[in-house]
C-alpha atoms as a PDB file:
ATOM      1  CA  MET A   1     -19.243  28.515 -63.926  1.00  0.00           C
ATOM      2  CA  LYS A   2     -18.234  26.373 -61.007  1.00  0.00           C
ATOM      3  CA  ARG A   3     -18.470  27.894 -57.582  1.00  0.00           C
ATOM      4  CA  ALA A   4     -15.512  27.241 -55.294  1.00  0.00           C
ATOM      5  CA  LEU A   5     -16.109  26.234 -51.708  1.00  0.00           C
ATOM      6  CA  CYS A   6     -13.393  26.973 -49.153  1.00  0.00           C
ATOM      7  CA  LEU A   7     -13.368  25.313 -45.750  1.00  0.00           C
ATOM      8  CA  PHE A   8     -11.225  26.734 -42.975  1.00  0.00           C
ATOM      9  CA  ALA A   9     -10.084  24.967 -39.797  1.00  0.00           C
ATOM     10  CA  THR A  10      -9.183  28.307 -38.238  1.00  0.00           C
ATOM     11  CA  ALA A  11     -10.128  31.888 -38.989  1.00  0.00           C
ATOM     12  CA  VAL A  12      -7.759  32.596 -41.857  1.00  0.00           C
ATOM     13  CA  ILE A  13      -8.056  34.482 -45.107  1.00  0.00           C
ATOM     14  CA  ALA A  14      -7.082  32.600 -48.237  1.00  0.00           C
ATOM     15  CA  ALA A  15      -7.677  33.029 -51.906  1.00  0.00           C
ATOM     16  CA  CYS A  16      -9.241  30.254 -53.861  1.00  0.00           C
ATOM     17  CA  SER A  17      -9.824  29.906 -57.563  1.00  0.00           C
ATOM     18  CA  ALA A  18     -12.785  28.318 -59.312  1.00  0.00           C
ATOM     19  CA  GLY A  19     -12.960  24.547 -58.947  1.00  0.00           C
ATOM     20  CA  GLU A  20     -10.256  24.467 -56.197  1.00  0.00           C
ATOM     21  CA  THR A  21     -10.390  24.170 -52.415  1.00  0.00           C
ATOM     22  CA  SER A  22      -7.863  25.982 -50.259  1.00  0.00           C
ATOM     23  CA  ALA A  23      -6.923  24.285 -46.993  1.00  0.00           C
ATOM     24  CA  PRO A  24      -5.459  26.152 -44.024  1.00  0.00           C
ATOM     25  CA  SER A  25      -1.786  25.754 -43.289  1.00  0.00           C
ATOM     26  CA  LEU A  26      -0.964  23.289 -40.547  1.00  0.00           C
ATOM     27  CA  PRO A  27       1.119  24.321 -37.519  1.00  0.00           C
ATOM     28  CA  HIS A  28       4.520  22.743 -38.138  1.00  0.00           C
ATOM     29  CA  ALA A  29       5.745  23.723 -34.685  1.00  0.00           C
ATOM     30  CA  PRO A  30       3.651  23.392 -31.517  1.00  0.00           C
ATOM     31  CA  VAL A  31       1.461  26.443 -30.922  1.00  0.00           C
ATOM     32  CA  GLU A  32      -1.060  27.274 -28.217  1.00  0.00           C
ATOM     33  CA  VAL A  33      -4.693  26.507 -28.988  1.00  0.00           C
ATOM     34  CA  PHE A  34      -5.770  29.483 -26.857  1.00  0.00           C
ATOM     35  CA  PRO A  35      -2.923  31.986 -27.275  1.00  0.00           C
ATOM     36  CA  GLY A  36      -2.583  34.770 -24.756  1.00  0.00           C
ATOM     37  CA  GLN A  37      -4.444  33.075 -21.946  1.00  0.00           C
ATOM     38  CA  ALA A  38      -3.062  33.181 -18.415  1.00  0.00           C
ATOM     39  CA  PRO A  39      -0.969  30.081 -17.662  1.00  0.00           C
ATOM     40  CA  PRO A  40      -2.717  27.380 -15.631  1.00  0.00           C
ATOM     41  CA  THR A  41      -1.722  26.322 -12.146  1.00  0.00           C
ATOM     42  CA  PRO A  42      -0.944  22.669 -11.286  1.00  0.00           C
ATOM     43  CA  PHE A  43      -4.603  22.462 -10.209  1.00  0.00           C
ATOM     44  CA  THR A  44      -6.211  23.963 -13.335  1.00  0.00           C
ATOM     45  CA  ARG A  45      -4.514  22.077 -16.162  1.00  0.00           C
ATOM     46  CA  ALA A  46      -6.311  21.430 -19.455  1.00  0.00           C
ATOM     47  CA  TYR A  47      -5.726  18.342 -21.597  1.00  0.00           C
ATOM     48  CA  GLY A  48      -7.305  15.793 -23.925  1.00  0.00           C
ATOM     49  CA  LEU A  49      -8.550  18.138 -26.653  1.00  0.00           C
ATOM     50  CA  THR A  50     -10.536  16.178 -29.241  1.00  0.00           C
ATOM     51  CA  GLU A  51     -12.416  17.215 -32.384  1.00  0.00           C
ATOM     52  CA  SER A  52     -15.499  15.672 -33.966  1.00  0.00           C
ATOM     53  CA  PRO A  53     -14.933  13.900 -37.310  1.00  0.00           C
ATOM     54  CA  ASP A  54     -16.800  16.674 -39.146  1.00  0.00           C
ATOM     55  CA  GLY A  55     -14.660  19.340 -37.470  1.00  0.00           C
ATOM     56  CA  SER A  56     -17.605  21.195 -35.953  1.00  0.00           C
ATOM     57  CA  VAL A  57     -17.091  20.601 -32.222  1.00  0.00           C
ATOM     58  CA  ARG A  58     -14.118  20.382 -29.895  1.00  0.00           C
ATOM     59  CA  VAL A  59     -14.120  19.078 -26.322  1.00  0.00           C
ATOM     60  CA  PHE A  60     -11.394  19.091 -23.674  1.00  0.00           C
ATOM     61  CA  ALA A  61     -10.961  18.360 -19.976  1.00  0.00           C
ATOM     62  CA  ARG A  62      -9.874  20.891 -17.391  1.00  0.00           C
ATOM     63  CA  GLU A  63      -9.034  20.309 -13.752  1.00  0.00           C
ATOM     64  CA  GLN A  64     -10.379  22.518 -11.004  1.00  0.00           C
ATOM     65  CA  ASN A  65      -8.652  21.353  -7.846  1.00  0.00           C
ATOM     66  CA  ASP A  66     -10.317  17.992  -6.996  1.00  0.00           C
ATOM     67  CA  LEU A  67     -12.855  18.314  -9.813  1.00  0.00           C
ATOM     68  CA  THR A  68     -12.421  17.706 -13.535  1.00  0.00           C
ATOM     69  CA  ASN A  69     -14.895  19.118 -16.051  1.00  0.00           C
ATOM     70  CA  LEU A  70     -15.468  18.792 -19.791  1.00  0.00           C
ATOM     71  CA  TYR A  71     -15.815  21.877 -21.996  1.00  0.00           C
ATOM     72  CA  GLU A  72     -17.078  22.196 -25.562  1.00  0.00           C
ATOM     73  CA  LEU A  73     -16.347  24.677 -28.332  1.00  0.00           C
ATOM     74  CA  ARG A  74     -18.519  25.062 -31.434  1.00  0.00           C
ATOM     75  CA  ARG A  75     -17.210  26.206 -34.802  1.00  0.00           C
ATOM     76  CA  GLN A  76     -18.776  29.498 -35.836  1.00  0.00           C
ATOM     77  CA  PRO A  77     -19.905  30.440 -39.383  1.00  0.00           C
ATOM     78  CA  ASP A  78     -16.764  32.571 -39.830  1.00  0.00           C
ATOM     79  CA  GLY A  79     -14.500  29.625 -38.950  1.00  0.00           C
ATOM     80  CA  SER A  80     -13.672  30.825 -35.445  1.00  0.00           C
ATOM     81  CA  TRP A  81     -14.483  28.899 -32.274  1.00  0.00           C
ATOM     82  CA  SER A  82     -16.960  29.775 -29.549  1.00  0.00           C
ATOM     83  CA  GLU A  83     -15.907  30.343 -25.975  1.00  0.00           C
ATOM     84  CA  PRO A  84     -15.605  27.104 -23.944  1.00  0.00           C
ATOM     85  CA  GLN A  85     -18.851  26.018 -22.296  1.00  0.00           C
ATOM     86  CA  GLU A  86     -18.996  23.465 -19.497  1.00  0.00           C
ATOM     87  CA  LEU A  87     -20.810  20.211 -20.272  1.00  0.00           C
ATOM     88  CA  ASP A  88     -23.329  18.861 -17.794  1.00  0.00           C
ATOM     89  CA  PHE A  89     -23.031  15.070 -17.962  1.00  0.00           C
ATOM     90  CA  PRO A  90     -23.545  12.579 -15.091  1.00  0.00           C
ATOM     91  CA  ARG A  91     -20.630  12.514 -12.668  1.00  0.00           C
ATOM     92  CA  ARG A  92     -19.616  12.533  -9.024  1.00  0.00           C
ATOM     93  CA  ASN A  93     -16.416  14.582  -9.134  1.00  0.00           C
ATOM     94  CA  LYS A  94     -14.828  13.921 -12.502  1.00  0.00           C
ATOM     95  CA  LEU A  95     -15.634  14.033 -16.203  1.00  0.00           C
ATOM     96  CA  THR A  96     -12.435  13.361 -18.083  1.00  0.00           C
ATOM     97  CA  ASN A  97     -10.605  11.805 -21.068  1.00  0.00           C
ATOM     98  CA  PRO A  98     -12.906  12.982 -23.892  1.00  0.00           C
ATOM     99  CA  SER A  99     -12.378  11.419 -27.314  1.00  0.00           C
ATOM    100  CA  PHE A 100     -14.579  11.595 -30.411  1.00  0.00           C
ATOM    101  CA  SER A 101     -14.975   8.249 -32.145  1.00  0.00           C
ATOM    102  CA  PHE A 102     -13.940   8.024 -35.795  1.00  0.00           C
ATOM    103  CA  ALA A 103     -16.420   5.150 -36.192  1.00  0.00           C
ATOM    104  CA  ASP A 104     -19.723   6.516 -34.906  1.00  0.00           C
ATOM    105  CA  GLY A 105     -18.957  10.202 -34.265  1.00  0.00           C
ATOM    106  CA  MET A 106     -19.989   9.900 -30.617  1.00  0.00           C
ATOM    107  CA  LEU A 107     -18.058  11.447 -27.760  1.00  0.00           C
ATOM    108  CA  TYR A 108     -16.503   8.841 -25.478  1.00  0.00           C
ATOM    109  CA  TYR A 109     -15.308   9.903 -22.048  1.00  0.00           C
ATOM    110  CA  ALA A 110     -14.844   8.714 -18.464  1.00  0.00           C
ATOM    111  CA  SER A 111     -17.004   9.553 -15.454  1.00  0.00           C
ATOM    112  CA  ASP A 112     -16.838   8.551 -11.793  1.00  0.00           C
ATOM    113  CA  VAL A 113     -20.618   8.492 -11.368  1.00  0.00           C
ATOM    114  CA  ASP A 114     -21.895   5.297  -9.715  1.00  0.00           C
ATOM    115  CA  ILE A 115     -23.294   2.974 -12.399  1.00  0.00           C
ATOM    116  CA  LEU A 116     -23.534  -0.206 -10.301  1.00  0.00           C
ATOM    117  CA  GLU A 117     -25.518   1.423  -7.480  1.00  0.00           C
ATOM    118  CA  ARG A 118     -23.253  -0.021  -4.849  1.00  0.00           C
ATOM    119  CA  GLY A 119     -21.396   3.122  -3.842  1.00  0.00           C
ATOM    120  CA  GLN A 120     -18.315   2.368  -5.911  1.00  0.00           C
ATOM    121  CA  ARG A 121     -15.903   5.217  -6.576  1.00  0.00           C
ATOM    122  CA  ASP A 122     -14.242   3.917  -9.732  1.00  0.00           C
ATOM    123  CA  ALA A 123     -14.351   5.511 -13.178  1.00  0.00           C
ATOM    124  CA  ASN A 124     -16.213   4.072 -16.158  1.00  0.00           C
ATOM    125  CA  ILE A 125     -16.402   4.773 -19.880  1.00  0.00           C
ATOM    126  CA  TRP A 126     -19.450   6.582 -21.225  1.00  0.00           C
ATOM    127  CA  ARG A 127     -20.536   7.855 -24.622  1.00  0.00           C
ATOM    128  CA  VAL A 128     -22.978  10.461 -25.895  1.00  0.00           C
ATOM    129  CA  ALA A 129     -24.218  11.331 -29.373  1.00  0.00           C
ATOM    130  CA  LEU A 130     -23.691  14.728 -30.962  1.00  0.00           C
ATOM    131  CA  THR A 131     -27.047  15.993 -32.262  1.00  0.00           C
ATOM    132  CA  GLU A 132     -28.346  19.021 -34.127  1.00  0.00           C
ATOM    133  CA  GLU A 133     -29.865  20.234 -30.857  1.00  0.00           C
ATOM    134  CA  GLY A 134     -26.679  19.714 -28.882  1.00  0.00           C
ATOM    135  CA  TRP A 135     -26.136  16.384 -27.136  1.00  0.00           C
ATOM    136  CA  GLY A 136     -28.115  13.197 -26.708  1.00  0.00           C
ATOM    137  CA  THR A 137     -28.504  11.208 -23.497  1.00  0.00           C
ATOM    138  CA  PRO A 138     -25.197   9.888 -22.110  1.00  0.00           C
ATOM    139  CA  GLU A 139     -24.955   6.117 -21.677  1.00  0.00           C
ATOM    140  CA  HIS A 140     -22.287   4.031 -20.007  1.00  0.00           C
ATOM    141  CA  LEU A 141     -20.691   1.130 -21.841  1.00  0.00           C
ATOM    142  CA  PRO A 142     -21.725  -2.386 -20.707  1.00  0.00           C
ATOM    143  CA  ALA A 143     -20.053  -4.633 -18.150  1.00  0.00           C
ATOM    144  CA  SER A 144     -18.026  -6.281 -20.903  1.00  0.00           C
ATOM    145  CA  ILE A 145     -15.956  -3.056 -20.796  1.00  0.00           C
ATOM    146  CA  ASN A 146     -16.691  -1.445 -17.435  1.00  0.00           C
ATOM    147  CA  THR A 147     -15.649  -3.429 -14.381  1.00  0.00           C
ATOM    148  CA  GLY A 148     -15.598  -2.540 -10.696  1.00  0.00           C
ATOM    149  CA  ALA A 149     -12.185  -0.965 -11.247  1.00  0.00           C
ATOM    150  CA  ASP A 150     -11.140   2.110 -13.258  1.00  0.00           C
ATOM    151  CA  GLU A 151     -11.773   2.156 -17.006  1.00  0.00           C
ATOM    152  CA  LEU A 152     -10.467   5.373 -18.551  1.00  0.00           C
ATOM    153  CA  ASN A 153      -8.960   7.006 -21.630  1.00  0.00           C
ATOM    154  CA  PRO A 154     -11.189   5.722 -24.456  1.00  0.00           C
ATOM    155  CA  ALA A 155     -10.199   6.171 -28.102  1.00  0.00           C
ATOM    156  CA  MET A 156     -11.919   4.591 -31.114  1.00  0.00           C
ATOM    157  CA  ASP A 157     -10.670   4.263 -34.684  1.00  0.00           C
ATOM    158  CA  ARG A 158     -12.704   4.201 -37.888  1.00  0.00           C
ATOM    159  CA  ALA A 159     -13.026   0.398 -37.753  1.00  0.00           C
ATOM    160  CA  GLY A 160     -14.723   0.618 -34.353  1.00  0.00           C
ATOM    161  CA  ARG A 161     -11.797  -0.757 -32.367  1.00  0.00           C
ATOM    162  CA  LEU A 162     -11.860   0.686 -28.865  1.00  0.00           C
ATOM    163  CA  TYR A 163      -8.671   1.386 -26.950  1.00  0.00           C
ATOM    164  CA  PHE A 164      -8.792   2.215 -23.256  1.00  0.00           C
ATOM    165  CA  THR A 165      -6.876   1.854 -20.011  1.00  0.00           C
ATOM    166  CA  SER A 166      -7.838  -0.132 -16.938  1.00  0.00           C
ATOM    167  CA  ASN A 167      -6.480  -1.450 -13.678  1.00  0.00           C
ATOM    168  CA  GLY A 168      -9.249  -4.047 -13.505  1.00  0.00           C
ATOM    169  CA  TYR A 169      -8.127  -6.528 -16.139  1.00  0.00           C
ATOM    170  CA  ASP A 170      -4.977  -8.660 -16.188  1.00  0.00           C
ATOM    171  CA  SER A 171      -2.541  -5.748 -16.065  1.00  0.00           C
ATOM    172  CA  ILE A 172       1.177  -5.533 -15.329  1.00  0.00           C
ATOM    173  CA  GLY A 173       1.177  -1.930 -14.147  1.00  0.00           C
ATOM    174  CA  GLY A 174      -1.064   0.520 -12.373  1.00  0.00           C
ATOM    175  CA  HIS A 175      -3.077   1.188 -15.545  1.00  0.00           C
ATOM    176  CA  ASP A 176      -2.507  -0.652 -18.816  1.00  0.00           C
ATOM    177  CA  ILE A 177      -3.757  -0.227 -22.381  1.00  0.00           C
ATOM    178  CA  PHE A 178      -6.322  -2.683 -23.736  1.00  0.00           C
ATOM    179  CA  GLU A 179      -7.977  -3.139 -27.123  1.00  0.00           C
ATOM    180  CA  ALA A 180     -11.595  -4.185 -27.585  1.00  0.00           C
ATOM    181  CA  ALA A 181     -13.790  -5.213 -30.509  1.00  0.00           C
ATOM    182  CA  LEU A 182     -17.588  -5.320 -30.441  1.00  0.00           C
ATOM    183  CA  ASP A 183     -19.265  -8.631 -31.248  1.00  0.00           C
ATOM    184  CA  ALA A 184     -22.145  -7.587 -33.489  1.00  0.00           C
ATOM    185  CA  GLU A 185     -24.169 -10.721 -32.689  1.00  0.00           C
ATOM    186  CA  THR A 186     -23.930 -10.650 -28.894  1.00  0.00           C
ATOM    187  CA  GLY A 187     -23.430  -6.931 -28.365  1.00  0.00           C
ATOM    188  CA  GLU A 188     -20.559  -7.759 -26.014  1.00  0.00           C
ATOM    189  CA  TRP A 189     -17.066  -6.345 -26.198  1.00  0.00           C
ATOM    190  CA  GLN A 190     -14.140  -8.740 -26.555  1.00  0.00           C
ATOM    191  CA  VAL A 191     -11.226  -7.258 -24.612  1.00  0.00           C
ATOM    192  CA  THR A 192      -7.626  -8.244 -25.323  1.00  0.00           C
ATOM    193  CA  ALA A 193      -4.363  -7.139 -23.768  1.00  0.00           C
ATOM    194  CA  MET A 194      -1.834  -5.319 -25.903  1.00  0.00           C
ATOM    195  CA  PRO A 195       1.260  -7.276 -27.012  1.00  0.00           C
ATOM    196  CA  ASP A 196       4.240  -7.650 -24.709  1.00  0.00           C
ATOM    197  CA  GLY A 197       6.429  -4.590 -24.486  1.00  0.00           C
ATOM    198  CA  ILE A 198       3.653  -2.005 -24.881  1.00  0.00           C
ATOM    199  CA  ASN A 199       2.432  -1.801 -21.298  1.00  0.00           C
ATOM    200  CA  SER A 200       4.925  -1.170 -18.527  1.00  0.00           C
ATOM    201  CA  ALA A 201       5.146  -1.378 -14.745  1.00  0.00           C
ATOM    202  CA  LYS A 202       4.298   2.330 -14.775  1.00  0.00           C
ATOM    203  CA  ALA A 203       0.883   3.711 -15.680  1.00  0.00           C
ATOM    204  CA  GLU A 204      -0.124   4.345 -19.290  1.00  0.00           C
ATOM    205  CA  ALA A 205      -2.852   6.935 -19.868  1.00  0.00           C
ATOM    206  CA  HIS A 206      -4.459   9.563 -22.139  1.00  0.00           C
ATOM    207  CA  LEU A 207      -4.926   7.650 -25.389  1.00  0.00           C
ATOM    208  CA  ALA A 208      -5.436   9.031 -28.889  1.00  0.00           C
ATOM    209  CA  VAL A 209      -5.641   7.063 -32.132  1.00  0.00           C
ATOM    210  CA  THR A 210      -5.397   8.025 -35.791  1.00  0.00           C
ATOM    211  CA  PRO A 211      -8.567   7.494 -37.854  1.00  0.00           C
ATOM    212  CA  ASP A 212      -7.131   4.427 -39.611  1.00  0.00           C
ATOM    213  CA  GLY A 213      -6.157   2.865 -36.286  1.00  0.00           C
ATOM    214  CA  ASN A 214      -2.552   2.421 -37.345  1.00  0.00           C
ATOM    215  CA  ARG A 215      -0.987   4.681 -34.736  1.00  0.00           C
ATOM    216  CA  LEU A 216      -1.755   5.081 -31.045  1.00  0.00           C
ATOM    217  CA  PHE A 217      -0.550   7.839 -28.719  1.00  0.00           C
ATOM    218  CA  PHE A 218      -0.342   7.781 -24.926  1.00  0.00           C
ATOM    219  CA  TYR A 219       1.616   9.304 -22.083  1.00  0.00           C
ATOM    220  CA  SER A 220       4.022   7.416 -19.878  1.00  0.00           C
ATOM    221  CA  HIS A 221       6.641   7.948 -17.168  1.00  0.00           C
ATOM    222  CA  ARG A 222       8.834   5.244 -18.719  1.00  0.00           C
ATOM    223  CA  ASN A 223      12.369   5.822 -19.983  1.00  0.00           C
ATOM    224  CA  PRO A 224      13.930   7.170 -22.111  1.00  0.00           C
ATOM    225  CA  LYS A 225      12.193  10.485 -21.613  1.00  0.00           C
ATOM    226  CA  LEU A 226      12.828  14.189 -21.973  1.00  0.00           C
ATOM    227  CA  GLY A 227      10.655  15.435 -19.134  1.00  0.00           C
ATOM    228  CA  VAL A 228       8.652  14.453 -16.099  1.00  0.00           C
ATOM    229  CA  VAL A 229       6.218  12.656 -18.376  1.00  0.00           C
ATOM    230  CA  ASP A 230       6.337  12.286 -22.185  1.00  0.00           C
ATOM    231  CA  ILE A 231       3.997  11.330 -25.001  1.00  0.00           C
ATOM    232  CA  TRP A 232       4.749   8.010 -26.674  1.00  0.00           C
ATOM    233  CA  THR A 233       3.474   6.332 -29.833  1.00  0.00           C
ATOM    234  CA  ILE A 234       3.139   2.851 -31.303  1.00  0.00           C
ATOM    235  CA  ALA A 235       2.519   1.997 -34.941  1.00  0.00           C
ATOM    236  CA  ARG A 236       0.615  -0.926 -36.440  1.00  0.00           C
ATOM    237  CA  GLY A 237       2.478  -2.688 -39.240  1.00  0.00           C
ATOM    238  CA  GLU A 238       1.130  -3.919 -42.561  1.00  0.00           C
ATOM    239  CA  ASP A 239       0.686  -7.337 -40.928  1.00  0.00           C
ATOM    240  CA  GLY A 240      -1.729  -5.776 -38.436  1.00  0.00           C
ATOM    241  CA  GLN A 241       0.647  -6.251 -35.512  1.00  0.00           C
ATOM    242  CA  TRP A 242       1.702  -3.481 -33.148  1.00  0.00           C
ATOM    243  CA  GLY A 243       5.343  -2.448 -33.039  1.00  0.00           C
ATOM    244  CA  LYS A 244       7.298  -1.271 -30.025  1.00  0.00           C
ATOM    245  CA  PRO A 245       6.504   1.991 -28.197  1.00  0.00           C
ATOM    246  CA  GLU A 246       8.667   4.968 -29.161  1.00  0.00           C
ATOM    247  CA  ASN A 247       9.082   8.338 -27.473  1.00  0.00           C
ATOM    248  CA  LEU A 248       7.769  11.149 -29.702  1.00  0.00           C
ATOM    249  CA  GLY A 249      10.812  13.261 -28.864  1.00  0.00           C
ATOM    250  CA  ALA A 250      10.991  16.905 -29.914  1.00  0.00           C
ATOM    251  CA  PRO A 251       9.174  19.073 -30.900  1.00  0.00           C
ATOM    252  CA  VAL A 252       6.320  17.597 -28.848  1.00  0.00           C
ATOM    253  CA  ASN A 253       8.158  16.466 -25.733  1.00  0.00           C
ATOM    254  CA  THR A 254      10.158  18.878 -23.597  1.00  0.00           C
ATOM    255  CA  PRO A 255      11.798  18.872 -20.141  1.00  0.00           C
ATOM    256  CA  GLY A 256       8.351  19.784 -18.785  1.00  0.00           C
ATOM    257  CA  ILE A 257       5.121  17.801 -18.541  1.00  0.00           C
ATOM    258  CA  ASP A 258       3.761  16.759 -21.962  1.00  0.00           C
ATOM    259  CA  PHE A 259       0.616  14.649 -21.831  1.00  0.00           C
ATOM    260  CA  GLY A 260      -3.047  14.437 -22.858  1.00  0.00           C
ATOM    261  CA  PRO A 261      -2.818  13.755 -26.636  1.00  0.00           C
ATOM    262  CA  GLY A 262      -5.861  14.104 -28.897  1.00  0.00           C
ATOM    263  CA  MET A 263      -6.646  14.148 -32.622  1.00  0.00           C
ATOM    264  CA  SER A 264      -8.289  16.596 -34.996  1.00  0.00           C
ATOM    265  CA  GLY A 265     -11.322  15.367 -36.899  1.00  0.00           C
ATOM    266  CA  ASP A 266      -9.348  14.913 -40.113  1.00  0.00           C
ATOM    267  CA  GLY A 267      -6.439  13.198 -38.358  1.00  0.00           C
ATOM    268  CA  GLN A 268      -3.924  15.796 -39.528  1.00  0.00           C
ATOM    269  CA  ILE A 269      -3.285  17.585 -36.224  1.00  0.00           C
ATOM    270  CA  LEU A 270      -2.100  16.230 -32.903  1.00  0.00           C
ATOM    271  CA  PHE A 271      -3.394  18.078 -29.862  1.00  0.00           C
ATOM    272  CA  PHE A 272      -1.603  17.744 -26.537  1.00  0.00           C
ATOM    273  CA  SER A 273      -1.030  19.503 -23.242  1.00  0.00           C
ATOM    274  CA  ARG A 274       2.273  21.107 -22.228  1.00  0.00           C
ATOM    275  CA  ASP A 275       2.325  21.895 -18.534  1.00  0.00           C
ATOM    276  CA  GLY A 276      -1.454  22.175 -18.681  1.00  0.00           C
ATOM    277  CA  VAL A 277      -1.582  24.455 -21.745  1.00  0.00           C
ATOM    278  CA  LEU A 278      -3.404  23.052 -24.787  1.00  0.00           C
ATOM    279  CA  MET A 279      -1.128  22.834 -27.845  1.00  0.00           C
ATOM    280  CA  GLU A 280      -1.500  21.736 -31.462  1.00  0.00           C
ATOM    281  CA  VAL A 281       0.975  20.632 -34.126  1.00  0.00           C
ATOM    282  CA  ALA A 282       0.764  18.984 -37.538  1.00  0.00           C
ATOM    283  CA  LEU A 283       0.847  15.219 -37.139  1.00  0.00           C
ATOM    284  CA  ASP A 284       3.690  14.842 -39.642  1.00  0.00           C
ATOM    285  CA  SER A 285       5.772  17.333 -37.640  1.00  0.00           C
ATOM    286  CA  ALA A 286       4.885  15.618 -34.369  1.00  0.00           C
ATOM    287  CA  LEU A 287       6.311  12.361 -35.724  1.00  0.00           C
ATOM    288  CA  GLU A 288       9.636  13.848 -36.812  1.00  0.00           C
ATOM    289  CA  GLY A 289      11.210  13.182 -33.424  1.00  0.00           C
ATOM    290  CA  VAL A 290      10.223   9.502 -33.241  1.00  0.00           C
ATOM    291  CA  GLY A 291      13.293   7.319 -32.746  1.00  0.00           C
ATOM    292  CA  THR A 292      15.635  10.183 -31.839  1.00  0.00           C
ATOM    293  CA  LEU A 293      15.948   9.188 -28.176  1.00  0.00           C
ATOM    294  CA  GLU A 294      18.347   6.348 -27.478  1.00  0.00           C
ATOM    295  CA  PRO A 295      16.732   3.512 -25.522  1.00  0.00           C
ATOM    296  CA  ASP A 296      18.083   2.773 -22.063  1.00  0.00           C
ATOM    297  CA  SER A 297      20.805   0.168 -21.978  1.00  0.00           C
END
């Protein structure tokens, strides 16, 4: 007799028959990740929730006035999640923009700790391995990624393509999106600008990418928009070329502040922040509003 194995993404009760696996239902409307918690203030917002590819760990960023910290949650044997615990990685004032890589399973993030030993106050991209004991030793990415300016918002797809934002490369706005590929022979990253029409004169930030690398999410102040800031998306076509950015629209974006997208480990759920409250919604539902906002004339 075959023994059925049921995996749950949340603490739910489901029946499963022999030889079948029952998956939890996905949230088809945005719901709070931590329901019932007191609402955050403008100085204690949470954002950037990300989940490891195996679904065992979640990490998010939370502001505390001038500081920003990273917090982890571990999946428990019953399918529930542990209470958030602060992560102690190198930093000056800020640890931010966490994102698990779909290529190597490591956690990529940004820190303002000085890596050039010259007293600089910019942010750089770091990564750290998830181990059975907890976490490995954090390491910053090389100079072929990190410059003397701000490098932030890392996201890596299954093919190992790294997406990030910077104001230190040839940008047209305050912070623009760049794509990078690692040269296996030299160990150096080859950084390229995104195609025309993706970056704007306004800042782009808070990146998330689907595992296959065919859809990227970010927040922007650009128009058309529903709120103060909205989440946008771009899709990669069958020819490998990026299309034009599109506002996600409802049900993700609202008249409020919607930002900080992130992905579940299986790529089926989009996490985001609504006025500083962590939310989750099925990716298919999140994409239903794409193209519903008329572009500015």
